[in-house]
C-alpha cells in the first residue's frame, strides 16, 4: 500500500507540472494542472481495471512452459 500511495503522489505532481506547462504554452487556465494531476493520481491509486496493482500476486510457472522438467529455451 505504501507503493501505491507514493506512486499516486508522484503521478499527481508530474501531471500537475505537465498540465501547468501545457496551460502556459497554449494560454489555457492554470487550473488545468491540478485537474490533470488529480485525475492521474486517482487512476493510478484506484487502478480500476487492475492493470497496475495486481492483487493476485506473482503466479508460478505453469507446467506448459516446461518440457521434460527443464525450462523451455526460446530463441531471441
PDB file of N, CA and C in Angstrom:
ATOM      1  N   UNK A   1       0.818  -1.186   0.000  1.00  0.00           N
ATOM      2  CA  UNK A   1       0.000   0.000   0.000  1.00  0.00           C
ATOM      3  C   UNK A   1       0.865   1.255   0.000  1.00  0.00           C
ATOM      4  N   UNK A   2       2.065   1.153   0.552  1.00  0.00           N
ATOM      5  CA  UNK A   2       2.957   2.307   0.554  1.00  0.00           C
ATOM      6  C   UNK A   2       3.372   2.666  -0.865  1.00  0.00           C
ATOM      7  N   UNK A   3       3.599   1.642  -1.684  1.00  0.00           N
ATOM      8  CA  UNK A   3       3.986   1.896  -3.072  1.00  0.00           C
ATOM      9  C   UNK A   3       2.871   2.606  -3.819  1.00  0.00           C
ATOM     10  N   UNK A   4       1.648   2.182  -3.575  1.00  0.00           N
ATOM     11  CA  UNK A   4       0.504   2.780  -4.254  1.00  0.00           C
ATOM     12  C   UNK A   4       0.349   4.244  -3.866  1.00  0.00           C
ATOM     13  N   UNK A   5       0.509   4.558  -2.596  1.00  0.00           N
ATOM     14  CA  UNK A   5       0.376   5.943  -2.130  1.00  0.00           C
ATOM     15  C   UNK A   5       1.505   6.814  -2.690  1.00  0.00           C
ATOM     16  N   UNK A   6       2.713   6.295  -2.675  1.00  0.00           N
ATOM     17  CA  UNK A   6       3.838   7.053  -3.229  1.00  0.00           C
ATOM     18  C   UNK A   6       3.672   7.264  -4.728  1.00  0.00           C
ATOM     19  N   UNK A   7       3.227   6.232  -5.432  1.00  0.00           N
ATOM     20  CA  UNK A   7       3.004   6.365  -6.869  1.00  0.00           C
ATOM     21  C   UNK A   7       1.933   7.406  -7.159  1.00  0.00           C
ATOM     22  N   UNK A   8       0.874   7.428  -6.362  1.00  0.00           N
ATOM     23  CA  UNK A   8      -0.189   8.413  -6.564  1.00  0.00           C
ATOM     24  C   UNK A   8       0.340   9.830  -6.372  1.00  0.00           C
ATOM     25  N   UNK A   9       1.160  10.037  -5.358  1.00  0.00           N
ATOM     26  CA  UNK A   9       1.728  11.369  -5.116  1.00  0.00           C
ATOM     27  C   UNK A   9       2.633  11.784  -6.268  1.00  0.00           C
ATOM     28  N   UNK A  10       3.459  10.869  -6.740  1.00  0.00           N
ATOM     29  CA  UNK A  10       4.371  11.201  -7.840  1.00  0.00           C
ATOM     30  C   UNK A  10       3.618  11.483  -9.138  1.00  0.00           C
ATOM     31  N   UNK A  11       2.593  10.689  -9.434  1.00  0.00           N
ATOM     32  CA  UNK A  11       1.795  10.931 -10.635  1.00  0.00           C
ATOM     33  C   UNK A  11       1.032  12.247 -10.512  1.00  0.00           C
ATOM     34  N   UNK A  12       0.538  12.550  -9.317  1.00  0.00           N
ATOM     35  CA  UNK A  12      -0.158  13.814  -9.099  1.00  0.00           C
ATOM     36  C   UNK A  12       0.769  14.984  -9.400  1.00  0.00           C
ATOM     37  N   UNK A  13       1.966  14.953  -8.838  1.00  0.00           N
ATOM     38  CA  UNK A  13       2.900  16.058  -9.040  1.00  0.00           C
ATOM     39  C   UNK A  13       3.331  16.166 -10.504  1.00  0.00           C
ATOM     40  N   UNK A  14       3.638  15.031 -11.126  1.00  0.00           N
ATOM     41  CA  UNK A  14       4.126  15.083 -12.505  1.00  0.00           C
ATOM     42  C   UNK A  14       3.049  15.582 -13.467  1.00  0.00           C
ATOM     43  N   UNK A  15       1.805  15.159 -13.282  1.00  0.00           N
ATOM     44  CA  UNK A  15       0.753  15.634 -14.175  1.00  0.00           C
ATOM     45  C   UNK A  15       0.348  17.067 -13.845  1.00  0.00           C
ATOM     46  N   UNK A  16       0.486  17.485 -12.599  1.00  0.00           N
ATOM     47  CA  UNK A  16       0.241  18.891 -12.265  1.00  0.00           C
ATOM     48  C   UNK A  16       1.258  19.757 -13.016  1.00  0.00           C
ATOM     49  N   UNK A  17       2.506  19.333 -12.985  1.00  0.00           N
ATOM     50  CA  UNK A  17       3.563  20.079 -13.668  1.00  0.00           C
ATOM     51  C   UNK A  17       3.324  20.088 -15.179  1.00  0.00           C
ATOM     52  N   UNK A  18       2.992  18.918 -15.736  1.00  0.00           N
ATOM     53  CA  UNK A  18       2.739  18.839 -17.178  1.00  0.00           C
ATOM     54  C   UNK A  18       1.532  19.688 -17.563  1.00  0.00           C
ATOM     55  N   UNK A  19       0.483  19.650 -16.763  1.00  0.00           N
ATOM     56  CA  UNK A  19      -0.698  20.465 -17.038  1.00  0.00           C
ATOM     57  C   UNK A  19      -0.398  21.949 -16.951  1.00  0.00           C
ATOM     58  N   UNK A  20       0.442  22.334 -16.009  1.00  0.00           N
ATOM     59  CA  UNK A  20       0.824  23.743 -15.892  1.00  0.00           C
ATOM     60  C   UNK A  20       1.644  24.183 -17.104  1.00  0.00           C
ATOM     61  N   UNK A  21       2.521  23.304 -17.584  1.00  0.00           N
ATOM     62  CA  UNK A  21       3.300  23.643 -18.783  1.00  0.00           C
ATOM     63  C   UNK A  21       2.396  23.766 -20.007  1.00  0.00           C
ATOM     64  N   UNK A  22       1.472  22.828 -20.164  1.00  0.00           N
ATOM     65  CA  UNK A  22       0.547  22.880 -21.296  1.00  0.00           C
ATOM     66  C   UNK A  22      -0.306  24.140 -21.223  1.00  0.00           C
ATOM     67  N   UNK A  23      -0.786  24.474 -20.032  1.00  0.00           N
ATOM     68  CA  UNK A  23      -1.597  25.677 -19.864  1.00  0.00           C
ATOM     69  C   UNK A  23      -0.800  26.932 -20.191  1.00  0.00           C
ATOM     70  N   UNK A  24       0.459  26.940 -19.822  1.00  0.00           N
ATOM     71  CA  UNK A  24       1.299  28.099 -20.093  1.00  0.00           C
ATOM     72  C   UNK A  24       1.581  28.252 -21.587  1.00  0.00           C
ATOM     73  N   UNK A  25       1.874  27.151 -22.245  1.00  0.00           N
ATOM     74  CA  UNK A  25       2.210  27.203 -23.668  1.00  0.00           C
ATOM     75  C   UNK A  25       1.002  27.596 -24.510  1.00  0.00           C
ATOM     76  N   UNK A  26      -0.162  27.030 -24.203  1.00  0.00           N
ATOM     77  CA  UNK A  26      -1.337  27.271 -25.024  1.00  0.00           C
ATOM     78  C   UNK A  26      -2.257  28.358 -24.479  1.00  0.00           C
ATOM     79  N   UNK A  27      -1.874  29.009 -23.397  1.00  0.00           N
ATOM     80  CA  UNK A  27      -2.657  30.098 -22.843  1.00  0.00           C
ATOM     81  C   UNK A  27      -3.976  29.646 -22.230  1.00  0.00           C
ATOM     82  N   UNK A  28      -3.984  28.464 -21.642  1.00  0.00           N
ATOM     83  CA  UNK A  28      -5.192  27.941 -21.005  1.00  0.00           C
ATOM     84  C   UNK A  28      -5.212  28.296 -19.527  1.00  0.00           C
ATOM     85  N   UNK A  29      -6.266  27.923 -18.855  1.00  0.00           N
ATOM     86  CA  UNK A  29      -6.416  28.213 -17.432  1.00  0.00           C
ATOM     87  C   UNK A  29      -5.365  27.453 -16.620  1.00  0.00           C
ATOM     88  N   UNK A  30      -4.783  28.106 -15.616  1.00  0.00           N
ATOM     89  CA  UNK A  30      -3.812  27.418 -14.764  1.00  0.00           C
ATOM     90  C   UNK A  30      -4.424  26.290 -13.940  1.00  0.00           C
ATOM     91  N   UNK A  31      -5.734  26.226 -13.875  1.00  0.00           N
ATOM     92  CA  UNK A  31      -6.392  25.149 -13.139  1.00  0.00           C
ATOM     93  C   UNK A  31      -6.253  23.805 -13.845  1.00  0.00           C
ATOM     94  N   UNK A  32      -5.757  23.821 -15.072  1.00  0.00           N
ATOM     95  CA  UNK A  32      -5.573  22.575 -15.816  1.00  0.00           C
ATOM     96  C   UNK A  32      -4.583  21.649 -15.114  1.00  0.00           C
ATOM     97  N   UNK A  33      -3.550  22.202 -14.501  1.00  0.00           N
ATOM     98  CA  UNK A  33      -2.539  21.395 -13.814  1.00  0.00           C
ATOM     99  C   UNK A  33      -3.104  20.557 -12.678  1.00  0.00           C
ATOM    100  N   UNK A  34      -3.764  21.169 -11.706  1.00  0.00           N
ATOM    101  CA  UNK A  34      -4.330  20.370 -10.613  1.00  0.00           C
ATOM    102  C   UNK A  34      -5.414  19.393 -11.066  1.00  0.00           C
ATOM    103  N   UNK A  35      -6.155  19.760 -12.108  1.00  0.00           N
ATOM    104  CA  UNK A  35      -7.197  18.858 -12.613  1.00  0.00           C
ATOM    105  C   UNK A  35      -6.562  17.605 -13.203  1.00  0.00           C
ATOM    106  N   UNK A  36      -5.552  17.785 -14.043  1.00  0.00           N
ATOM    107  CA  UNK A  36      -4.868  16.632 -14.623  1.00  0.00           C
ATOM    108  C   UNK A  36      -4.147  15.816 -13.554  1.00  0.00           C
ATOM    109  N   UNK A  37      -3.532  16.496 -12.595  1.00  0.00           N
ATOM    110  CA  UNK A  37      -2.829  15.796 -11.520  1.00  0.00           C
ATOM    111  C   UNK A  37      -3.760  14.951 -10.679  1.00  0.00           C
ATOM    112  N   UNK A  38      -4.920  15.494 -10.341  1.00  0.00           N
ATOM    113  CA  UNK A  38      -5.888  14.741  -9.544  1.00  0.00           C
ATOM    114  C   UNK A  38      -6.423  13.543 -10.314  1.00  0.00           C
ATOM    115  N   UNK A  39      -6.694  13.738 -11.596  1.00  0.00           N
ATOM    116  CA  UNK A  39      -7.204  12.633 -12.411  1.00  0.00           C
ATOM    117  C   UNK A  39      -6.164  11.523 -12.527  1.00  0.00           C
ATOM    118  N   UNK A  40      -4.909  11.880 -12.782  1.00  0.00           N
ATOM    119  CA  UNK A  40      -3.861  10.869 -12.914  1.00  0.00           C
ATOM    120  C   UNK A  40      -3.643  10.125 -11.600  1.00  0.00           C
ATOM    121  N   UNK A  41      -3.617  10.840 -10.490  1.00  0.00           N
ATOM    122  CA  UNK A  41      -3.412  10.192  -9.194  1.00  0.00           C
ATOM    123  C   UNK A  41      -4.566   9.264  -8.852  1.00  0.00           C
ATOM    124  N   UNK A  42      -5.783   9.673  -9.170  1.00  0.00           N
ATOM    125  CA  UNK A  42      -6.943   8.827  -8.888  1.00  0.00           C
ATOM    126  C   UNK A  42      -6.917   7.554  -9.716  1.00  0.00           C
ATOM    127  N   UNK A  43      -6.512   7.669 -10.976  1.00  0.00           N
ATOM    128  CA  UNK A  43      -6.447   6.486 -11.835  1.00  0.00           C
ATOM    129  C   UNK A  43      -5.362   5.532 -11.365  1.00  0.00           C
ATOM    130  N   UNK A  44      -4.196   6.064 -11.025  1.00  0.00           N
ATOM    131  CA  UNK A  44      -3.089   5.197 -10.582  1.00  0.00           C
ATOM    132  C   UNK A  44      -3.394   4.585  -9.220  1.00  0.00           C
ATOM    133  N   UNK A  45      -3.899   5.360  -8.287  1.00  0.00           N
ATOM    134  CA  UNK A  45      -4.169   4.838  -6.948  1.00  0.00           C
ATOM    135  C   UNK A  45      -5.356   3.882  -6.946  1.00  0.00           C
ATOM    136  N   UNK A  46      -6.384   4.225  -7.700  1.00  0.00           N
ATOM    137  CA  UNK A  46      -7.569   3.384  -7.727  1.00  0.00           C
ATOM    138  C   UNK A  46      -7.404   2.145  -8.576  1.00  0.00           C
ATOM    139  N   UNK A  47      -6.687   2.265  -9.687  1.00  0.00           N
ATOM    140  CA  UNK A  47      -6.446   1.168 -10.624  1.00  0.00           C
ATOM    141  C   UNK A  47      -7.728   0.391 -10.894  1.00  0.00           C
ATOM    142  N   UNK A  48      -8.697   1.009 -11.562  1.00  0.00           N
ATOM    143  CA  UNK A  48      -9.997   0.373 -11.732  1.00  0.00           C
ATOM    144  C   UNK A  48      -9.980  -0.932 -12.515  1.00  0.00           C
ATOM    145  N   UNK A  49      -9.044  -1.118 -13.427  1.00  0.00           N
ATOM    146  CA  UNK A  49      -9.003  -2.350 -14.218  1.00  0.00           C
ATOM    147  C   UNK A  49      -8.035  -3.379 -13.660  1.00  0.00           C
ATOM    148  N   UNK A  50      -7.289  -3.044 -12.622  1.00  0.00           N
ATOM    149  CA  UNK A  50      -6.360  -3.987 -12.018  1.00  0.00           C
ATOM    150  C   UNK A  50      -5.130  -4.248 -12.856  1.00  0.00           C
ATOM    151  N   UNK A  51      -4.740  -3.312 -13.676  1.00  0.00           N
ATOM    152  CA  UNK A  51      -3.588  -3.495 -14.550  1.00  0.00           C
ATOM    153  C   UNK A  51      -2.282  -3.173 -13.823  1.00  0.00           C
ATOM    154  N   UNK A  52      -2.268  -2.105 -13.054  1.00  0.00           N
ATOM    155  CA  UNK A  52      -1.034  -1.653 -12.414  1.00  0.00           C
ATOM    156  C   UNK A  52      -0.743  -2.447 -11.151  1.00  0.00           C
ATOM    157  N   UNK A  53      -1.715  -2.550 -10.290  1.00  0.00           N
ATOM    158  CA  UNK A  53      -1.534  -3.221  -8.999  1.00  0.00           C
ATOM    159  C   UNK A  53      -2.237  -4.565  -9.042  1.00  0.00           C
ATOM    160  N   UNK A  54      -1.475  -5.608  -9.311  1.00  0.00           N
ATOM    161  CA  UNK A  54      -2.024  -6.950  -9.416  1.00  0.00           C
ATOM    162  C   UNK A  54      -2.309  -7.495  -8.023  1.00  0.00           C
ATOM    163  N   UNK A  55      -3.554  -7.783  -7.732  1.00  0.00           N
ATOM    164  CA  UNK A  55      -3.931  -8.267  -6.411  1.00  0.00           C
ATOM    165  C   UNK A  55      -3.676  -9.756  -6.241  1.00  0.00           C
ATOM    166  N   UNK A  56      -3.511 -10.489  -7.333  1.00  0.00           N
ATOM    167  CA  UNK A  56      -3.335 -11.935  -7.258  1.00  0.00           C
ATOM    168  C   UNK A  56      -1.906 -12.329  -6.892  1.00  0.00           C
ATOM    169  N   UNK A  57      -0.965 -11.456  -7.031  1.00  0.00           N
ATOM    170  CA  UNK A  57       0.420 -11.785  -6.751  1.00  0.00           C
ATOM    171  C   UNK A  57       1.077 -12.435  -7.956  1.00  0.00           C
ATOM    172  N   UNK A  58       2.311 -12.823  -7.790  1.00  0.00           N
ATOM    173  CA  UNK A  58       3.065 -13.431  -8.871  1.00  0.00           C
ATOM    174  C   UNK A  58       2.663 -14.891  -8.998  1.00  0.00           C
ATOM    175  N   UNK A  59       2.373 -15.318 -10.215  1.00  0.00           N
ATOM    176  CA  UNK A  59       1.965 -16.694 -10.436  1.00  0.00           C
ATOM    177  C   UNK A  59       3.198 -17.572 -10.667  1.00  0.00           C
ATOM    178  N   UNK A  60       3.083 -18.809 -10.273  1.00  0.00           N
ATOM    179  CA  UNK A  60       4.143 -19.778 -10.505  1.00  0.00           C
ATOM    180  C   UNK A  60       4.168 -20.149 -11.979  1.00  0.00           C
ATOM    181  N   UNK A  61       5.336 -20.582 -12.451  1.00  0.00           N
ATOM    182  CA  UNK A  61       5.453 -21.022 -13.831  1.00  0.00           C
ATOM    183  C   UNK A  61       4.624 -22.282 -14.026  1.00  0.00           C
ATOM    184  N   UNK A  62       3.837 -22.308 -15.075  1.00  0.00           N
ATOM    185  CA  UNK A  62       2.976 -23.463 -15.300  1.00  0.00           C
ATOM    186  C   UNK A  62       3.769 -24.599 -15.933  1.00  0.00           C
ATOM    187  N   UNK A  63       3.193 -25.777 -15.889  1.00  0.00           N
ATOM    188  CA  UNK A  63       3.875 -26.933 -16.452  1.00  0.00           C
ATOM    189  C   UNK A  63       3.940 -26.854 -17.975  1.00  0.00           C
ATOM    190  N   UNK A  64       3.114 -26.016 -18.588  1.00  0.00           N
ATOM    191  CA  UNK A  64       3.146 -25.869 -20.036  1.00  0.00           C
ATOM    192  C   UNK A  64       4.416 -25.174 -20.506  1.00  0.00           C
ATOM    193  N   UNK A  65       5.056 -24.408 -19.618  1.00  0.00           N
ATOM    194  CA  UNK A  65       6.271 -23.705 -20.011  1.00  0.00           C
ATOM    195  C   UNK A  65       7.518 -24.547 -19.790  1.00  0.00           C
ATOM    196  N   UNK A  66       7.334 -25.789 -19.393  1.00  0.00           N
ATOM    197  CA  UNK A  66       8.470 -26.666 -19.165  1.00  0.00           C
ATOM    198  C   UNK A  66       8.321 -27.923 -20.018  1.00  0.00           C
ATOM    199  N   UNK A  67       9.437 -28.423 -20.482  1.00  0.00           N
ATOM    200  CA  UNK A  67       9.430 -29.663 -21.253  1.00  0.00           C
ATOM    201  C   UNK A  67      10.378 -30.625 -20.578  1.00  0.00           C
ATOM    202  N   UNK A  68       9.874 -31.796 -20.186  1.00  0.00           N
ATOM    203  CA  UNK A  68      10.687 -32.821 -19.530  1.00  0.00           C
ATOM    204  C   UNK A  68      11.342 -32.321 -18.254  1.00  0.00           C
ATOM    205  N   UNK A  69      10.683 -31.437 -17.534  1.00  0.00           N
ATOM    206  CA  UNK A  69      11.224 -30.956 -16.274  1.00  0.00           C
ATOM    207  C   UNK A  69      12.244 -29.839 -16.414  1.00  0.00           C
ATOM    208  N   UNK A  70      12.595 -29.494 -17.637  1.00  0.00           N
ATOM    209  CA  UNK A  70      13.568 -28.409 -17.860  1.00  0.00           C
ATOM    210  C   UNK A  70      12.861 -27.207 -18.472  1.00  0.00           C
ATOM    211  N   UNK A  71      13.309 -25.998 -18.162  1.00  0.00           N
ATOM    212  CA  UNK A  71      12.686 -24.814 -18.758  1.00  0.00           C
ATOM    213  C   UNK A  71      12.875 -24.801 -20.282  1.00  0.00           C
ATOM    214  N   UNK A  72      11.870 -24.321 -20.984  1.00  0.00           N
ATOM    215  CA  UNK A  72      11.933 -24.231 -22.434  1.00  0.00           C
ATOM    216  C   UNK A  72      12.742 -22.996 -22.797  1.00  0.00           C
ATOM    217  N   UNK A  73      13.704 -23.163 -23.686  1.00  0.00           N
ATOM    218  CA  UNK A  73      14.507 -22.035 -24.144  1.00  0.00           C
ATOM    219  C   UNK A  73      13.935 -21.538 -25.462  1.00  0.00           C
ATOM    220  N   UNK A  74      13.645 -20.254 -25.510  1.00  0.00           N
ATOM    221  CA  UNK A  74      13.106 -19.673 -26.726  1.00  0.00           C
ATOM    222  C   UNK A  74      14.191 -18.878 -27.422  1.00  0.00           C
ATOM    223  N   UNK A  75      14.233 -18.928 -28.750  1.00  0.00           N
ATOM    224  CA  UNK A  75      15.258 -18.165 -29.475  1.00  0.00           C
ATOM    225  C   UNK A  75      14.973 -16.661 -29.375  1.00  0.00           C
ATOM    226  N   UNK A  76      16.033 -15.904 -29.418  1.00  0.00           N
ATOM    227  CA  UNK A  76      15.910 -14.454 -29.301  1.00  0.00           C
ATOM    228  C   UNK A  76      15.769 -13.823 -30.633  1.00  0.00           C
TER     229      UNK A  76
END
